[in-house]
Amino acid sequence: MKLNFELVPDSCWYSNLRSLLPPGGWDIIRKKAYARANGRCMICGAKTARLEAHEQWSYDEDNAVQKLTGVIAICHACHEVIHIGRTQLMGREREASEHFMKVNNCTYAEYRKALGEANEAHRRRNQIPEWKLDLSVLKDLI
């Protein structure tokens, strides 16, 4: 699937790259992502006047490592799908599910299956009390 859910473990909520970088660091990284995107969402390809920077993370559950893998520029609709938990809390799941199905050319049943798999991964990752951060990709982003 081109567009997937990225449910962040609860213990990692409210920590983001912006808060970890020195002043101005986040602006450098996000502006480079915007330049690479050239006015188009890097997931769905939609042309948009307002891109949002999204941090991509991988999770090594065996070693409890949360690794930054990149920062991309995406549209608001894709960002709402990626952070579906927050989107659900805001009452916008219907719009997000429609966007997910459109981008991935899939059915509602496939949407529900993918969401169930994401929730299961989230449940597993929440069993890990503390994640170590790997920000080694920053050298390539700045």
Protein backbone atom coordinates (compact mmCIF):
# COMPACT_ATOMS: atom_id res chain seq x y z
CA MET A 1 0.00 0.00 0.00
CA LYS A 2 1.23 3.48 -0.81
CA LEU A 3 -0.44 5.00 2.25
CA ASN A 4 -0.27 3.29 5.64
CA PHE A 5 -1.07 3.96 9.26
CA GLU A 6 1.82 4.83 11.56
CA LEU A 7 0.64 4.41 15.13
CA VAL A 8 3.32 5.74 17.45
CA PRO A 9 3.80 3.85 20.74
CA ASP A 10 2.11 5.69 23.60
CA SER A 11 5.42 6.24 25.41
CA CYS A 12 6.70 8.18 22.37
CA TRP A 13 3.72 10.55 22.10
CA TYR A 14 4.49 14.27 22.20
CA SER A 15 8.16 13.75 21.46
CA ASN A 16 9.10 14.83 18.00
CA LEU A 17 12.11 15.76 15.97
CA ARG A 18 11.34 19.47 16.25
CA SER A 19 11.75 19.34 20.03
CA LEU A 20 14.97 17.33 19.82
CA LEU A 21 16.83 19.56 17.36
CA PRO A 22 18.66 22.81 18.05
CA PRO A 23 16.81 26.01 17.05
CA GLY A 24 16.40 26.20 13.28
CA GLY A 25 17.22 22.53 12.72
CA TRP A 26 13.64 21.45 12.08
CA ASP A 27 13.12 24.31 9.61
CA ILE A 28 16.14 23.17 7.57
CA ILE A 29 14.90 19.57 7.42
CA ARG A 30 11.27 20.35 6.62
CA LYS A 31 12.16 22.92 3.95
CA LYS A 32 14.39 20.37 2.23
CA ALA A 33 11.48 17.91 2.25
CA TYR A 34 9.20 20.58 0.75
CA ALA A 35 11.77 21.30 -1.97
CA ARG A 36 12.05 17.57 -2.83
CA ALA A 37 8.25 17.35 -3.06
CA ASN A 38 7.98 20.25 -5.52
CA GLY A 39 4.44 21.15 -4.44
CA ARG A 40 3.11 17.57 -4.51
CA CYS A 41 2.33 15.12 -1.75
CA MET A 42 5.12 12.54 -1.64
CA ILE A 43 2.57 9.78 -1.00
CA CYS A 44 -0.54 10.40 -3.11
CA GLY A 45 0.98 12.87 -5.58
CA ALA A 46 -1.73 15.52 -5.09
CA LYS A 47 -0.69 19.05 -5.92
CA THR A 48 -1.16 21.22 -2.85
CA ALA A 49 -0.26 24.72 -1.75
CA ARG A 50 0.30 23.57 1.83
CA LEU A 51 2.52 20.59 2.49
CA GLU A 52 3.15 19.16 5.95
CA ALA A 53 6.42 17.59 7.06
CA HIS A 54 6.09 14.04 8.36
CA GLU A 55 8.71 12.12 10.32
CA GLN A 56 9.02 8.49 9.29
CA TRP A 57 10.03 5.98 11.96
CA SER A 58 10.80 2.28 12.06
CA TYR A 59 10.53 0.16 15.18
CA ASP A 60 12.91 -2.65 16.15
CA GLU A 61 10.79 -4.36 18.76
CA ASP A 62 13.48 -6.90 19.70
CA ASN A 63 15.97 -4.18 20.65
CA ALA A 64 13.45 -1.46 21.63
CA VAL A 65 14.84 1.01 19.08
CA GLN A 66 12.76 3.71 17.44
CA LYS A 67 14.70 4.79 14.36
CA LEU A 68 14.12 7.91 12.30
CA THR A 69 14.17 6.83 8.66
CA GLY A 70 13.28 10.07 6.93
CA VAL A 71 11.18 13.20 6.69
CA ILE A 72 8.75 13.62 3.80
CA ALA A 73 6.36 16.34 2.66
CA ILE A 74 2.74 15.23 2.43
CA CYS A 75 -0.76 16.62 2.08
CA HIS A 76 -3.05 17.08 5.07
CA ALA A 77 -5.32 14.22 3.98
CA CYS A 78 -2.45 11.71 3.90
CA HIS A 79 -1.18 13.02 7.24
CA GLU A 80 -4.59 12.41 8.80
CA VAL A 81 -4.56 8.81 7.57
CA ILE A 82 -1.05 8.19 8.89
CA HIS A 83 -2.05 9.47 12.33
CA ILE A 84 -5.45 7.76 12.30
CA GLY A 85 -5.67 7.53 16.09
CA ARG A 86 -5.60 11.31 16.45
CA THR A 87 -7.87 11.67 13.42
CA GLN A 88 -10.44 9.35 15.01
CA LEU A 89 -10.35 11.39 18.21
CA MET A 90 -11.02 14.52 16.14
CA GLY A 91 -14.07 12.86 14.52
CA ARG A 92 -12.64 12.69 11.00
CA GLU A 93 -12.21 8.95 10.44
CA ARG A 94 -14.76 8.81 7.61
CA GLU A 95 -12.79 11.30 5.51
CA ALA A 96 -9.53 9.53 6.32
CA SER A 97 -10.91 6.11 5.41
CA GLU A 98 -12.15 7.45 2.07
CA HIS A 99 -8.73 8.95 1.34
CA PHE A 100 -6.97 5.71 2.35
CA MET A 101 -9.20 3.68 0.00
CA LYS A 102 -8.76 6.14 -2.87
CA VAL A 103 -4.96 6.32 -2.61
CA ASN A 104 -4.57 2.56 -2.15
CA ASN A 105 -7.36 1.64 -4.58
CA CYS A 106 -8.83 -0.71 -2.01
CA THR A 107 -12.11 -1.65 -0.37
CA TYR A 108 -13.48 -0.77 3.03
CA ALA A 109 -12.77 -4.34 4.16
CA GLU A 110 -9.12 -3.87 3.18
CA TYR A 111 -9.05 -0.56 5.06
CA ARG A 112 -10.39 -2.28 8.20
CA LYS A 113 -7.88 -5.13 7.84
CA ALA A 114 -4.95 -2.70 7.52
CA LEU A 115 -6.23 -0.71 10.50
CA GLY A 116 -6.52 -3.89 12.56
CA GLU A 117 -2.93 -4.85 11.69
CA ALA A 118 -1.72 -1.36 12.64
CA ASN A 119 -3.58 -1.54 15.94
CA GLU A 120 -2.01 -4.94 16.68
CA ALA A 121 1.49 -3.56 16.00
CA HIS A 122 0.64 -0.60 18.26
CA ARG A 123 -0.49 -2.96 21.03
CA ARG A 124 2.76 -4.95 20.78
CA ARG A 125 4.91 -1.83 20.77
CA ASN A 126 3.13 -0.49 23.82
CA GLN A 127 4.45 -3.49 25.76
CA ILE A 128 7.92 -1.92 25.51
CA PRO A 129 8.22 0.57 28.39
CA GLU A 130 11.01 2.70 26.90
CA TRP A 131 12.34 3.10 23.39
CA LYS A 132 15.93 4.07 22.52
CA LEU A 133 16.17 6.67 19.76
CA ASP A 134 18.30 6.22 16.66
CA LEU A 135 18.66 9.55 14.86
CA SER A 136 21.63 8.54 12.72
CA VAL A 137 19.79 9.51 9.50
CA LEU A 138 19.92 13.19 10.57
CA LYS A 139 23.35 13.55 8.99
CA ASP A 140 21.70 12.87 5.63
CA LEU A 141 18.76 15.23 6.25
CA ILE A 142 20.55 18.40 7.34
